[in-house]
Every structure is written in C-alpha cells, then in structure tokens.
Amino acid sequence: MEKLNRITQNPDVMGGKACVRGMRVTVGMIVGQIGAGYSVDAILADYPYLEYEDVMQALRYAAWRAEEREVILASL
C-alpha cells in the first residue's frame, strides 16, 4: 500500500481518530461528506485549508480500513 503520509493519529487530537495532517478534520468527516453527495471540489471550498491530496488520501485510508478483517486467535 502506498504511504499515507497525510493521515495522522494522535490521542490528543480528536480522541485519536484518523485525521488529516494533524488537523481537527477526521477521515470519517471527509468520507461522510462524500457519502452525503458532496463533491471533492465542494469539500475543498468548504474547508480551504484542505488540499486535494488530503481528500484522496482520506478516501484511500478509509477504503484500506474497510478491507481489513480481524482474525480471532484461539486463546491457550
């Protein structure tokens, strides 16, 4: 997987949720906006401190997380 250098996690920022470049903008917020029908251009207009690549990496991160699966290991 390509390095997602714009996605950060810090327990002191938004409770440790995945954020964009340490800002208080979560991946979930961006994905939610896309899911609600907003275009990338509309998101960038509403949040002028975001860049196109921020949105693209947020979407790639969310897709990667959606493909993860947890495997429960037997306890001994």
N, C-alpha and C. Protein backbone atom coordinates (compact mmCIF):
# COMPACT_ATOMS: atom_id res chain seq x y z
N MET A 1 0.84 -1.19 0.00
CA MET A 1 0.00 0.00 0.00
C MET A 1 0.88 1.24 0.00
N GLU A 2 0.46 2.19 -0.77
CA GLU A 2 1.15 3.48 -0.85
C GLU A 2 1.16 4.14 0.53
N LYS A 3 2.24 4.83 0.81
CA LYS A 3 2.34 5.52 2.10
C LYS A 3 1.30 6.63 2.21
N LEU A 4 0.59 6.63 3.32
CA LEU A 4 -0.42 7.65 3.56
C LEU A 4 0.16 8.68 4.53
N ASN A 5 0.99 9.55 4.00
CA ASN A 5 1.73 10.48 4.85
C ASN A 5 0.90 11.68 5.31
N ARG A 6 -0.32 11.81 4.86
CA ARG A 6 -1.17 12.93 5.29
C ARG A 6 -2.17 12.51 6.36
N ILE A 7 -2.25 11.22 6.64
CA ILE A 7 -3.20 10.71 7.63
C ILE A 7 -2.43 10.49 8.94
N THR A 8 -2.90 11.13 9.99
CA THR A 8 -2.22 11.07 11.28
C THR A 8 -3.18 10.62 12.37
N GLN A 9 -2.61 10.07 13.42
CA GLN A 9 -3.39 9.71 14.60
C GLN A 9 -2.61 10.15 15.83
N ASN A 10 -3.29 10.90 16.68
CA ASN A 10 -2.69 11.41 17.89
C ASN A 10 -3.77 11.36 18.97
N PRO A 11 -3.48 10.71 20.10
CA PRO A 11 -4.50 10.61 21.15
C PRO A 11 -5.01 11.97 21.64
N ASP A 12 -4.24 13.02 21.45
CA ASP A 12 -4.62 14.35 21.92
C ASP A 12 -5.42 15.14 20.88
N VAL A 13 -5.60 14.59 19.69
CA VAL A 13 -6.35 15.28 18.64
C VAL A 13 -7.54 14.41 18.24
N MET A 14 -8.73 14.91 18.46
CA MET A 14 -9.97 14.23 18.10
C MET A 14 -10.04 12.81 18.67
N GLY A 15 -9.53 12.66 19.87
CA GLY A 15 -9.62 11.37 20.56
C GLY A 15 -8.85 10.25 19.89
N GLY A 16 -7.87 10.58 19.09
CA GLY A 16 -7.06 9.56 18.44
C GLY A 16 -7.62 9.06 17.12
N LYS A 17 -8.69 9.68 16.65
CA LYS A 17 -9.24 9.29 15.35
C LYS A 17 -8.26 9.66 14.24
N ALA A 18 -8.36 8.97 13.11
CA ALA A 18 -7.52 9.29 11.96
C ALA A 18 -7.91 10.68 11.44
N CYS A 19 -6.91 11.54 11.35
CA CYS A 19 -7.12 12.93 10.93
C CYS A 19 -6.23 13.26 9.74
N VAL A 20 -6.48 14.40 9.16
CA VAL A 20 -5.67 14.89 8.05
C VAL A 20 -4.62 15.85 8.58
N ARG A 21 -3.38 15.51 8.38
CA ARG A 21 -2.22 16.35 8.73
C ARG A 21 -2.29 16.95 10.12
N GLY A 22 -2.77 16.17 11.08
CA GLY A 22 -2.80 16.63 12.46
C GLY A 22 -3.88 17.65 12.77
N MET A 23 -4.69 17.98 11.78
CA MET A 23 -5.76 18.96 11.99
C MET A 23 -6.97 18.27 12.61
N ARG A 24 -7.93 19.04 13.00
CA ARG A 24 -9.14 18.51 13.60
C ARG A 24 -10.18 18.18 12.52
N VAL A 25 -9.69 17.60 11.46
CA VAL A 25 -10.52 17.14 10.35
C VAL A 25 -10.31 15.63 10.25
N THR A 26 -11.36 14.86 10.54
CA THR A 26 -11.19 13.41 10.56
C THR A 26 -11.47 12.80 9.19
N VAL A 27 -10.88 11.63 9.00
CA VAL A 27 -11.15 10.86 7.79
C VAL A 27 -12.65 10.59 7.71
N GLY A 28 -13.27 10.26 8.84
CA GLY A 28 -14.70 9.99 8.86
C GLY A 28 -15.53 11.18 8.40
N MET A 29 -15.12 12.38 8.73
CA MET A 29 -15.84 13.57 8.30
C MET A 29 -15.78 13.70 6.78
N ILE A 30 -14.60 13.47 6.22
CA ILE A 30 -14.45 13.58 4.77
C ILE A 30 -15.26 12.50 4.07
N VAL A 31 -15.16 11.27 4.54
CA VAL A 31 -15.92 10.18 3.92
C VAL A 31 -17.42 10.42 4.07
N GLY A 32 -17.83 10.93 5.21
CA GLY A 32 -19.24 11.26 5.41
C GLY A 32 -19.74 12.31 4.44
N GLN A 33 -18.91 13.31 4.18
CA GLN A 33 -19.29 14.35 3.23
C GLN A 33 -19.45 13.78 1.82
N ILE A 34 -18.52 12.92 1.41
CA ILE A 34 -18.61 12.27 0.10
C ILE A 34 -19.89 11.42 0.05
N GLY A 35 -20.13 10.66 1.11
CA GLY A 35 -21.32 9.82 1.17
C GLY A 35 -22.62 10.61 1.14
N ALA A 36 -22.58 11.84 1.61
CA ALA A 36 -23.76 12.69 1.61
C ALA A 36 -23.96 13.38 0.27
N GLY A 37 -23.05 13.12 -0.67
CA GLY A 37 -23.23 13.67 -2.01
C GLY A 37 -22.38 14.88 -2.34
N TYR A 38 -21.56 15.32 -1.41
CA TYR A 38 -20.69 16.46 -1.69
C TYR A 38 -19.55 16.04 -2.62
N SER A 39 -19.21 16.90 -3.53
CA SER A 39 -18.08 16.63 -4.42
C SER A 39 -16.78 17.01 -3.70
N VAL A 40 -15.69 16.52 -4.24
CA VAL A 40 -14.38 16.90 -3.69
C VAL A 40 -14.21 18.41 -3.78
N ASP A 41 -14.62 18.99 -4.88
CA ASP A 41 -14.50 20.45 -5.04
C ASP A 41 -15.32 21.19 -3.98
N ALA A 42 -16.49 20.68 -3.65
CA ALA A 42 -17.33 21.32 -2.63
C ALA A 42 -16.66 21.23 -1.26
N ILE A 43 -16.07 20.08 -0.96
CA ILE A 43 -15.37 19.92 0.32
C ILE A 43 -14.20 20.88 0.40
N LEU A 44 -13.44 20.98 -0.69
CA LEU A 44 -12.29 21.89 -0.70
C LEU A 44 -12.73 23.35 -0.57
N ALA A 45 -13.89 23.68 -1.11
CA ALA A 45 -14.40 25.05 -0.98
C ALA A 45 -14.85 25.33 0.46
N ASP A 46 -15.45 24.33 1.11
CA ASP A 46 -15.91 24.49 2.49
C ASP A 46 -14.76 24.48 3.50
N TYR A 47 -13.70 23.80 3.16
CA TYR A 47 -12.53 23.67 4.05
C TYR A 47 -11.28 24.09 3.27
N PRO A 48 -11.07 25.39 3.13
CA PRO A 48 -9.99 25.89 2.26
C PRO A 48 -8.58 25.50 2.71
N TYR A 49 -8.43 25.03 3.93
CA TYR A 49 -7.12 24.60 4.41
C TYR A 49 -6.82 23.16 4.01
N LEU A 50 -7.79 22.46 3.42
CA LEU A 50 -7.55 21.12 2.91
C LEU A 50 -7.05 21.20 1.48
N GLU A 51 -6.30 20.20 1.08
CA GLU A 51 -5.81 20.10 -0.28
C GLU A 51 -6.41 18.85 -0.93
N TYR A 52 -6.42 18.84 -2.24
CA TYR A 52 -6.98 17.72 -2.99
C TYR A 52 -6.40 16.40 -2.51
N GLU A 53 -5.10 16.33 -2.36
CA GLU A 53 -4.45 15.08 -1.94
C GLU A 53 -4.87 14.67 -0.53
N ASP A 54 -5.22 15.61 0.33
CA ASP A 54 -5.75 15.27 1.66
C ASP A 54 -7.02 14.43 1.53
N VAL A 55 -7.91 14.88 0.66
CA VAL A 55 -9.17 14.17 0.47
C VAL A 55 -8.92 12.80 -0.16
N MET A 56 -8.05 12.73 -1.14
CA MET A 56 -7.76 11.47 -1.81
C MET A 56 -7.14 10.46 -0.83
N GLN A 57 -6.22 10.92 0.01
CA GLN A 57 -5.62 10.01 0.98
C GLN A 57 -6.63 9.58 2.03
N ALA A 58 -7.53 10.46 2.42
CA ALA A 58 -8.57 10.08 3.38
C ALA A 58 -9.44 8.98 2.79
N LEU A 59 -9.79 9.10 1.53
CA LEU A 59 -10.60 8.07 0.89
C LEU A 59 -9.83 6.76 0.74
N ARG A 60 -8.55 6.83 0.38
CA ARG A 60 -7.74 5.61 0.28
C ARG A 60 -7.58 4.94 1.64
N TYR A 61 -7.39 5.74 2.68
CA TYR A 61 -7.27 5.20 4.03
C TYR A 61 -8.56 4.49 4.45
N ALA A 62 -9.70 5.14 4.20
CA ALA A 62 -10.99 4.55 4.56
C ALA A 62 -11.23 3.26 3.79
N ALA A 63 -10.87 3.22 2.53
CA ALA A 63 -11.04 2.00 1.73
C ALA A 63 -10.16 0.89 2.27
N TRP A 64 -8.92 1.23 2.62
CA TRP A 64 -8.00 0.24 3.18
C TRP A 64 -8.54 -0.31 4.49
N ARG A 65 -9.04 0.56 5.36
CA ARG A 65 -9.60 0.11 6.65
C ARG A 65 -10.84 -0.74 6.45
N ALA A 66 -11.64 -0.42 5.45
CA ALA A 66 -12.86 -1.19 5.19
C ALA A 66 -12.52 -2.61 4.72
N GLU A 67 -11.36 -2.79 4.12
CA GLU A 67 -10.96 -4.10 3.64
C GLU A 67 -10.28 -4.95 4.72
N GLU A 68 -9.91 -4.33 5.83
CA GLU A 68 -9.28 -5.08 6.91
C GLU A 68 -10.27 -6.06 7.51
N ARG A 69 -9.76 -7.13 8.05
CA ARG A 69 -10.63 -8.02 8.82
C ARG A 69 -9.85 -8.50 10.02
N GLU A 70 -10.56 -8.65 11.07
CA GLU A 70 -9.95 -9.09 12.32
C GLU A 70 -10.06 -10.61 12.41
N VAL A 71 -8.95 -11.23 12.74
CA VAL A 71 -8.93 -12.68 12.90
C VAL A 71 -8.80 -12.96 14.40
N ILE A 72 -9.76 -13.68 14.94
CA ILE A 72 -9.74 -14.02 16.34
C ILE A 72 -8.87 -15.28 16.51
N LEU A 73 -7.87 -15.14 17.32
CA LEU A 73 -6.98 -16.27 17.58
C LEU A 73 -7.46 -17.04 18.79
N ALA A 74 -7.25 -18.32 18.74
CA ALA A 74 -7.64 -19.17 19.89
C ALA A 74 -6.74 -18.83 21.07
N SER A 75 -7.35 -18.74 22.25
CA SER A 75 -6.55 -18.49 23.44
C SER A 75 -6.16 -19.83 24.04
N LEU A 76 -4.98 -19.89 24.59
CA LEU A 76 -4.49 -21.15 25.17
C LEU A 76 -4.71 -21.18 26.65
